[in-house]
Amino acid sequence: GIAVLVTIASARTSSASAHGAAGLVLGYQQAFLIGS
């Protein structure tokens, strides 16, 4: 689960136009959503 969700979060962060902490938040949001 951690492997899959970290991969999803990282991909979302990398594809986002936001950078730094803002990009991390977008990745975390996606990971939590898939985890749910």
PDB file of all heavy atoms in Angstrom:
ATOM      1  N   GLY A   1       0.814  -1.205   0.000  1.00  0.00           N
ATOM      2  CA  GLY A   1       0.000   0.000   0.000  1.00  0.00           C
ATOM      3  C   GLY A   1       0.851   1.259   0.000  1.00  0.00           C
ATOM      4  O   GLY A   1       0.588   2.200  -0.762  1.00  0.00           O
ATOM      5  N   ILE A   2       1.868   1.278   0.857  1.00  0.00           N
ATOM      6  CA  ILE A   2       2.761   2.438   0.888  1.00  0.00           C
ATOM      7  C   ILE A   2       3.457   2.607  -0.454  1.00  0.00           C
ATOM      8  O   ILE A   2       3.585   3.720  -0.979  1.00  0.00           O
ATOM      9  CB  ILE A   2       3.784   2.293   2.033  1.00  0.00           C
ATOM     10  CG1 ILE A   2       3.088   2.480   3.384  1.00  0.00           C
ATOM     11  CG2 ILE A   2       4.917   3.317   1.886  1.00  0.00           C
ATOM     12  CD1 ILE A   2       3.987   2.242   4.569  1.00  0.00           C
ATOM     13  N   ALA A   3       3.906   1.480  -1.052  1.00  0.00           N
ATOM     14  CA  ALA A   3       4.585   1.560  -2.343  1.00  0.00           C
ATOM     15  C   ALA A   3       3.677   2.165  -3.410  1.00  0.00           C
ATOM     16  O   ALA A   3       4.077   3.065  -4.158  1.00  0.00           O
ATOM     17  CB  ALA A   3       5.044   0.160  -2.771  1.00  0.00           C
ATOM     18  N   VAL A   4       2.446   1.683  -3.489  1.00  0.00           N
ATOM     19  CA  VAL A   4       1.512   2.170  -4.503  1.00  0.00           C
ATOM     20  C   VAL A   4       1.165   3.641  -4.260  1.00  0.00           C
ATOM     21  O   VAL A   4       1.199   4.469  -5.186  1.00  0.00           O
ATOM     22  CB  VAL A   4       0.230   1.316  -4.506  1.00  0.00           C
ATOM     23  CG1 VAL A   4      -0.848   1.963  -5.372  1.00  0.00           C
ATOM     24  CG2 VAL A   4       0.534  -0.093  -5.008  1.00  0.00           C
ATOM     25  N   LEU A   5       0.848   3.981  -3.014  1.00  0.00           N
ATOM     26  CA  LEU A   5       0.389   5.343  -2.724  1.00  0.00           C
ATOM     27  C   LEU A   5       1.527   6.361  -2.811  1.00  0.00           C
ATOM     28  O   LEU A   5       1.299   7.504  -3.223  1.00  0.00           O
ATOM     29  CB  LEU A   5      -0.275   5.381  -1.346  1.00  0.00           C
ATOM     30  CG  LEU A   5      -1.559   4.548  -1.245  1.00  0.00           C
ATOM     31  CD1 LEU A   5      -2.143   4.627   0.154  1.00  0.00           C
ATOM     32  CD2 LEU A   5      -2.589   4.998  -2.266  1.00  0.00           C
ATOM     33  N   VAL A   6       2.735   5.969  -2.423  1.00  0.00           N
ATOM     34  CA  VAL A   6       3.877   6.878  -2.591  1.00  0.00           C
ATOM     35  C   VAL A   6       4.126   7.134  -4.073  1.00  0.00           C
ATOM     36  O   VAL A   6       4.420   8.264  -4.489  1.00  0.00           O
ATOM     37  CB  VAL A   6       5.138   6.294  -1.908  1.00  0.00           C
ATOM     38  CG1 VAL A   6       6.386   7.031  -2.368  1.00  0.00           C
ATOM     39  CG2 VAL A   6       5.019   6.390  -0.395  1.00  0.00           C
ATOM     40  N   THR A   7       4.002   6.092  -4.883  1.00  0.00           N
ATOM     41  CA  THR A   7       4.181   6.257  -6.327  1.00  0.00           C
ATOM     42  C   THR A   7       3.133   7.205  -6.898  1.00  0.00           C
ATOM     43  O   THR A   7       3.435   8.094  -7.702  1.00  0.00           O
ATOM     44  CB  THR A   7       4.082   4.885  -7.024  1.00  0.00           C
ATOM     45  OG1 THR A   7       5.060   4.007  -6.466  1.00  0.00           O
ATOM     46  CG2 THR A   7       4.328   5.023  -8.514  1.00  0.00           C
ATOM     47  N   ILE A   8       1.877   7.033  -6.483  1.00  0.00           N
ATOM     48  CA  ILE A   8       0.796   7.910  -6.950  1.00  0.00           C
ATOM     49  C   ILE A   8       1.031   9.350  -6.493  1.00  0.00           C
ATOM     50  O   ILE A   8       0.885  10.302  -7.278  1.00  0.00           O
ATOM     51  CB  ILE A   8      -0.557   7.398  -6.425  1.00  0.00           C
ATOM     52  CG1 ILE A   8      -0.921   6.084  -7.128  1.00  0.00           C
ATOM     53  CG2 ILE A   8      -1.655   8.437  -6.614  1.00  0.00           C
ATOM     54  CD1 ILE A   8      -2.126   5.392  -6.542  1.00  0.00           C
ATOM     55  N   ALA A   9       1.419   9.505  -5.224  1.00  0.00           N
ATOM     56  CA  ALA A   9       1.665  10.852  -4.703  1.00  0.00           C
ATOM     57  C   ALA A   9       2.812  11.526  -5.426  1.00  0.00           C
ATOM     58  O   ALA A   9       2.742  12.718  -5.776  1.00  0.00           O
ATOM     59  CB  ALA A   9       1.956  10.780  -3.205  1.00  0.00           C
ATOM     60  N   SER A  10       3.876  10.775  -5.669  1.00  0.00           N
ATOM     61  CA  SER A  10       5.044  11.352  -6.347  1.00  0.00           C
ATOM     62  C   SER A  10       4.704  11.756  -7.781  1.00  0.00           C
ATOM     63  O   SER A  10       5.123  12.823  -8.254  1.00  0.00           O
ATOM     64  CB  SER A  10       6.190  10.336  -6.336  1.00  0.00           C
ATOM     65  OG  SER A  10       7.327  10.858  -6.978  1.00  0.00           O
ATOM     66  N   ALA A  11       3.932  10.906  -8.468  1.00  0.00           N
ATOM     67  CA  ALA A  11       3.550  11.233  -9.841  1.00  0.00           C
ATOM     68  C   ALA A  11       2.668  12.487  -9.876  1.00  0.00           C
ATOM     69  O   ALA A  11       2.821  13.340 -10.757  1.00  0.00           O
ATOM     70  CB  ALA A  11       2.808  10.047 -10.457  1.00  0.00           C
ATOM     71  N   ARG A  12       1.762  12.599  -8.918  1.00  0.00           N
ATOM     72  CA  ARG A  12       0.879  13.785  -8.862  1.00  0.00           C
ATOM     73  C   ARG A  12       1.688  15.040  -8.565  1.00  0.00           C
ATOM     74  O   ARG A  12       1.465  16.099  -9.164  1.00  0.00           O
ATOM     75  CB  ARG A  12      -0.188  13.588  -7.788  1.00  0.00           C
ATOM     76  CG  ARG A  12      -1.158  14.761  -7.650  1.00  0.00           C
ATOM     77  CD  ARG A  12      -2.059  14.844  -8.860  1.00  0.00           C
ATOM     78  NE  ARG A  12      -2.991  15.974  -8.778  1.00  0.00           N
ATOM     79  CZ  ARG A  12      -2.767  17.164  -9.304  1.00  0.00           C
ATOM     80  NH1 ARG A  12      -1.620  17.395  -9.961  1.00  0.00           N
ATOM     81  NH2 ARG A  12      -3.663  18.123  -9.210  1.00  0.00           N
ATOM     82  N   THR A  13       2.647  14.923  -7.647  1.00  0.00           N
ATOM     83  CA  THR A  13       3.492  16.071  -7.309  1.00  0.00           C
ATOM     84  C   THR A  13       4.323  16.501  -8.508  1.00  0.00           C
ATOM     85  O   THR A  13       4.470  17.699  -8.801  1.00  0.00           O
ATOM     86  CB  THR A  13       4.415  15.718  -6.130  1.00  0.00           C
ATOM     87  OG1 THR A  13       3.615  15.418  -4.979  1.00  0.00           O
ATOM     88  CG2 THR A  13       5.353  16.866  -5.800  1.00  0.00           C
ATOM     89  N   SER A  14       4.869  15.519  -9.238  1.00  0.00           N
ATOM     90  CA  SER A  14       5.736  15.834 -10.384  1.00  0.00           C
ATOM     91  C   SER A  14       4.956  16.475 -11.522  1.00  0.00           C
ATOM     92  O   SER A  14       5.484  17.330 -12.240  1.00  0.00           O
ATOM     93  CB  SER A  14       6.412  14.548 -10.881  1.00  0.00           C
ATOM     94  OG  SER A  14       7.202  13.980  -9.868  1.00  0.00           O
ATOM     95  N   SER A  15       3.696  16.052 -11.696  1.00  0.00           N
ATOM     96  CA  SER A  15       2.911  16.580 -12.815  1.00  0.00           C
ATOM     97  C   SER A  15       2.223  17.903 -12.496  1.00  0.00           C
ATOM     98  O   SER A  15       1.687  18.559 -13.388  1.00  0.00           O
ATOM     99  CB  SER A  15       1.841  15.557 -13.223  1.00  0.00           C
ATOM    100  OG  SER A  15       0.913  15.358 -12.162  1.00  0.00           O
ATOM    101  N   ALA A  16       2.221  18.292 -11.219  1.00  0.00           N
ATOM    102  CA  ALA A  16       1.526  19.514 -10.819  1.00  0.00           C
ATOM    103  C   ALA A  16       2.324  20.743 -11.225  1.00  0.00           C
ATOM    104  O   ALA A  16       3.554  20.722 -11.288  1.00  0.00           O
ATOM    105  CB  ALA A  16       1.285  19.520  -9.314  1.00  0.00           C
ATOM    106  N   SER A  17       1.596  21.821 -11.477  1.00  0.00           N
ATOM    107  CA  SER A  17       2.279  23.083 -11.793  1.00  0.00           C
ATOM    108  C   SER A  17       2.818  23.739 -10.534  1.00  0.00           C
ATOM    109  O   SER A  17       3.727  24.567 -10.587  1.00  0.00           O
ATOM    110  CB  SER A  17       1.300  24.037 -12.495  1.00  0.00           C
ATOM    111  OG  SER A  17       0.153  24.263 -11.684  1.00  0.00           O
ATOM    112  N   ALA A  18       2.256  23.375  -9.380  1.00  0.00           N
ATOM    113  CA  ALA A  18       2.738  23.918  -8.102  1.00  0.00           C
ATOM    114  C   ALA A  18       4.065  23.279  -7.726  1.00  0.00           C
ATOM    115  O   ALA A  18       4.377  22.160  -8.134  1.00  0.00           O
ATOM    116  CB  ALA A  18       1.704  23.662  -7.008  1.00  0.00           C
ATOM    117  N   HIS A  19       4.841  23.995  -6.935  1.00  0.00           N
ATOM    118  CA  HIS A  19       6.159  23.506  -6.531  1.00  0.00           C
ATOM    119  C   HIS A  19       6.277  23.552  -5.011  1.00  0.00           C
ATOM    120  O   HIS A  19       5.479  24.184  -4.314  1.00  0.00           O
ATOM    121  CB  HIS A  19       7.269  24.348  -7.171  1.00  0.00           C
ATOM    122  CG  HIS A  19       7.262  24.305  -8.671  1.00  0.00           C
ATOM    123  ND1 HIS A  19       7.681  23.211  -9.386  1.00  0.00           N
ATOM    124  CD2 HIS A  19       6.850  25.233  -9.584  1.00  0.00           C
ATOM    125  CE1 HIS A  19       7.553  23.452 -10.681  1.00  0.00           C
ATOM    126  NE2 HIS A  19       7.040  24.673 -10.831  1.00  0.00           N
ATOM    127  N   GLY A  20       7.314  22.860  -4.505  1.00  0.00           N
ATOM    128  CA  GLY A  20       7.583  22.877  -3.068  1.00  0.00           C
ATOM    129  C   GLY A  20       6.466  22.227  -2.279  1.00  0.00           C
ATOM    130  O   GLY A  20       5.886  21.211  -2.672  1.00  0.00           O
ATOM    131  N   ALA A  21       6.126  22.839  -1.149  1.00  0.00           N
ATOM    132  CA  ALA A  21       5.123  22.275  -0.253  1.00  0.00           C
ATOM    133  C   ALA A  21       3.755  22.164  -0.926  1.00  0.00           C
ATOM    134  O   ALA A  21       3.002  21.218  -0.674  1.00  0.00           O
ATOM    135  CB  ALA A  21       5.013  23.116   1.020  1.00  0.00           C
ATOM    136  N   ALA A  22       3.434  23.119  -1.807  1.00  0.00           N
ATOM    137  CA  ALA A  22       2.138  23.082  -2.489  1.00  0.00           C
ATOM    138  C   ALA A  22       2.018  21.842  -3.371  1.00  0.00           C
ATOM    139  O   ALA A  22       0.964  21.191  -3.430  1.00  0.00           O
ATOM    140  CB  ALA A  22       1.944  24.346  -3.319  1.00  0.00           C
ATOM    141  N   GLY A  23       3.112  21.490  -4.050  1.00  0.00           N
ATOM    142  CA  GLY A  23       3.107  20.276  -4.867  1.00  0.00           C
ATOM    143  C   GLY A  23       3.002  19.019  -4.025  1.00  0.00           C
ATOM    144  O   GLY A  23       2.309  18.067  -4.402  1.00  0.00           O
ATOM    145  N   LEU A  24       3.668  19.016  -2.865  1.00  0.00           N
ATOM    146  CA  LEU A  24       3.578  17.862  -1.962  1.00  0.00           C
ATOM    147  C   LEU A  24       2.144  17.651  -1.491  1.00  0.00           C
ATOM    148  O   LEU A  24       1.663  16.514  -1.415  1.00  0.00           O
ATOM    149  CB  LEU A  24       4.499  18.068  -0.755  1.00  0.00           C
ATOM    150  CG  LEU A  24       6.005  18.020  -1.006  1.00  0.00           C
ATOM    151  CD1 LEU A  24       6.758  18.350   0.273  1.00  0.00           C
ATOM    152  CD2 LEU A  24       6.424  16.648  -1.516  1.00  0.00           C
ATOM    153  N   VAL A  25       1.460  18.738  -1.172  1.00  0.00           N
ATOM    154  CA  VAL A  25       0.080  18.632  -0.682  1.00  0.00           C
ATOM    155  C   VAL A  25      -0.810  17.983  -1.738  1.00  0.00           C
ATOM    156  O   VAL A  25      -1.652  17.125  -1.422  1.00  0.00           O
ATOM    157  CB  VAL A  25      -0.461  20.016  -0.285  1.00  0.00           C
ATOM    158  CG1 VAL A  25      -1.973  19.964  -0.073  1.00  0.00           C
ATOM    159  CG2 VAL A  25       0.224  20.511   0.977  1.00  0.00           C
ATOM    160  N   LEU A  26      -0.639  18.362  -3.003  1.00  0.00           N
ATOM    161  CA  LEU A  26      -1.441  17.753  -4.066  1.00  0.00           C
ATOM    162  C   LEU A  26      -1.200  16.252  -4.139  1.00  0.00           C
ATOM    163  O   LEU A  26      -2.127  15.465  -4.350  1.00  0.00           O
ATOM    164  CB  LEU A  26      -1.110  18.416  -5.404  1.00  0.00           C
ATOM    165  CG  LEU A  26      -1.522  19.886  -5.541  1.00  0.00           C
ATOM    166  CD1 LEU A  26      -1.016  20.455  -6.863  1.00  0.00           C
ATOM    167  CD2 LEU A  26      -3.039  20.034  -5.452  1.00  0.00           C
ATOM    168  N   GLY A  27       0.061  15.852  -3.968  1.00  0.00           N
ATOM    169  CA  GLY A  27       0.377  14.431  -3.959  1.00  0.00           C
ATOM    170  C   GLY A  27      -0.245  13.703  -2.777  1.00  0.00           C
ATOM    171  O   GLY A  27      -0.787  12.596  -2.918  1.00  0.00           O
ATOM    172  N   TYR A  28      -0.174  14.319  -1.600  1.00  0.00           N
ATOM    173  CA  TYR A  28      -0.763  13.703  -0.408  1.00  0.00           C
ATOM    174  C   TYR A  28      -2.281  13.561  -0.567  1.00  0.00           C
ATOM    175  O   TYR A  28      -2.865  12.544  -0.171  1.00  0.00           O
ATOM    176  CB  TYR A  28      -0.459  14.540   0.840  1.00  0.00           C
ATOM    177  CG  TYR A  28       1.012  14.686   1.160  1.00  0.00           C
ATOM    178  CD1 TYR A  28       1.483  15.749   1.947  1.00  0.00           C
ATOM    179  CD2 TYR A  28       1.948  13.783   0.670  1.00  0.00           C
ATOM    180  CE1 TYR A  28       2.819  15.890   2.239  1.00  0.00           C
ATOM    181  CE2 TYR A  28       3.300  13.925   0.961  1.00  0.00           C
ATOM    182  CZ  TYR A  28       3.731  14.985   1.742  1.00  0.00           C
ATOM    183  OH  TYR A  28       5.065  15.123   2.043  1.00  0.00           O
ATOM    184  N   GLN A  29      -2.917  14.585  -1.113  1.00  0.00           N
ATOM    185  CA  GLN A  29      -4.368  14.518  -1.317  1.00  0.00           C
ATOM    186  C   GLN A  29      -4.742  13.313  -2.185  1.00  0.00           C
ATOM    187  O   GLN A  29      -5.686  12.573  -1.881  1.00  0.00           O
ATOM    188  CB  GLN A  29      -4.860  15.809  -1.971  1.00  0.00           C
ATOM    189  CG  GLN A  29      -4.815  17.033  -1.071  1.00  0.00           C
ATOM    190  CD  GLN A  29      -5.151  18.310  -1.825  1.00  0.00           C
ATOM    191  OE1 GLN A  29      -5.119  18.345  -3.054  1.00  0.00           O
ATOM    192  NE2 GLN A  29      -5.461  19.374  -1.099  1.00  0.00           N
ATOM    193  N   GLN A  30      -3.988  13.133  -3.271  1.00  0.00           N
ATOM    194  CA  GLN A  30      -4.269  12.014  -4.168  1.00  0.00           C
ATOM    195  C   GLN A  30      -4.061  10.676  -3.465  1.00  0.00           C
ATOM    196  O   GLN A  30      -4.868   9.750  -3.622  1.00  0.00           O
ATOM    197  CB  GLN A  30      -3.362  12.115  -5.403  1.00  0.00           C
ATOM    198  CG  GLN A  30      -3.692  11.143  -6.507  1.00  0.00           C
ATOM    199  CD  GLN A  30      -4.839  11.625  -7.373  1.00  0.00           C
ATOM    200  OE1 GLN A  30      -5.401  12.682  -7.120  1.00  0.00           O
ATOM    201  NE2 GLN A  30      -5.208  10.842  -8.374  1.00  0.00           N
ATOM    202  N   ALA A  31      -2.984  10.562  -2.688  1.00  0.00           N
ATOM    203  CA  ALA A  31      -2.693   9.309  -1.990  1.00  0.00           C
ATOM    204  C   ALA A  31      -3.784   8.979  -0.976  1.00  0.00           C
ATOM    205  O   ALA A  31      -4.234   7.824  -0.882  1.00  0.00           O
ATOM    206  CB  ALA A  31      -1.335   9.409  -1.292  1.00  0.00           C
ATOM    207  N   PHE A  32      -4.220   9.964  -0.211  1.00  0.00           N
ATOM    208  CA  PHE A  32      -5.286   9.724   0.770  1.00  0.00           C
ATOM    209  C   PHE A  32      -6.588   9.312   0.079  1.00  0.00           C
ATOM    210  O   PHE A  32      -7.320   8.445   0.577  1.00  0.00           O
ATOM    211  CB  PHE A  32      -5.520  10.974   1.622  1.00  0.00           C
ATOM    212  CG  PHE A  32      -4.462  11.215   2.663  1.00  0.00           C
ATOM    213  CD1 PHE A  32      -3.842  12.457   2.763  1.00  0.00           C
ATOM    214  CD2 PHE A  32      -4.078  10.212   3.548  1.00  0.00           C
ATOM    215  CE1 PHE A  32      -2.868  12.694   3.724  1.00  0.00           C
ATOM    216  CE2 PHE A  32      -3.113  10.438   4.509  1.00  0.00           C
ATOM    217  CZ  PHE A  32      -2.502  11.678   4.600  1.00  0.00           C
ATOM    218  N   LEU A  33      -6.880   9.925  -1.054  1.00  0.00           N
ATOM    219  CA  LEU A  33      -8.114   9.602  -1.767  1.00  0.00           C
ATOM    220  C   LEU A  33      -8.098   8.151  -2.250  1.00  0.00           C
ATOM    221  O   LEU A  33      -9.080   7.408  -2.059  1.00  0.00           O
ATOM    222  CB  LEU A  33      -8.290  10.557  -2.948  1.00  0.00           C
ATOM    223  CG  LEU A  33      -9.555  10.346  -3.800  1.00  0.00           C
ATOM    224  CD1 LEU A  33     -10.811  10.523  -2.951  1.00  0.00           C
ATOM    225  CD2 LEU A  33      -9.552  11.304  -4.995  1.00  0.00           C
ATOM    226  N   ILE A  34      -7.004   7.724  -2.856  1.00  0.00           N
ATOM    227  CA  ILE A  34      -6.905   6.338  -3.325  1.00  0.00           C
ATOM    228  C   ILE A  34      -6.905   5.381  -2.132  1.00  0.00           C
ATOM    229  O   ILE A  34      -7.513   4.304  -2.186  1.00  0.00           O
ATOM    230  CB  ILE A  34      -5.639   6.145  -4.178  1.00  0.00           C
ATOM    231  CG1 ILE A  34      -5.653   7.102  -5.382  1.00  0.00           C
ATOM    232  CG2 ILE A  34      -5.523   4.702  -4.646  1.00  0.00           C
ATOM    233  CD1 ILE A  34      -6.820   6.920  -6.306  1.00  0.00           C
ATOM    234  N   GLY A  35      -6.232   5.772  -1.048  1.00  0.00           N
ATOM    235  CA  GLY A  35      -6.233   4.940   0.153  1.00  0.00           C
ATOM    236  C   GLY A  35      -7.639   4.736   0.696  1.00  0.00           C
ATOM    237  O   GLY A  35      -7.988   3.644   1.167  1.00  0.00           O
ATOM    238  N   SER A  36      -8.474   5.773   0.625  1.00  0.00           N
ATOM    239  CA  SER A  36      -9.850   5.633   1.100  1.00  0.00           C
ATOM    240  C   SER A  36     -10.620   4.635   0.245  1.00  0.00           C
ATOM    241  O   SER A  36     -11.468   3.887   0.760  1.00  0.00           O
ATOM    242  CB  SER A  36     -10.555   6.998   1.090  1.00  0.00           C
ATOM    243  OG  SER A  36     -10.861   7.429  -0.220  1.00  0.00           O
TER     244      SER A  36
END
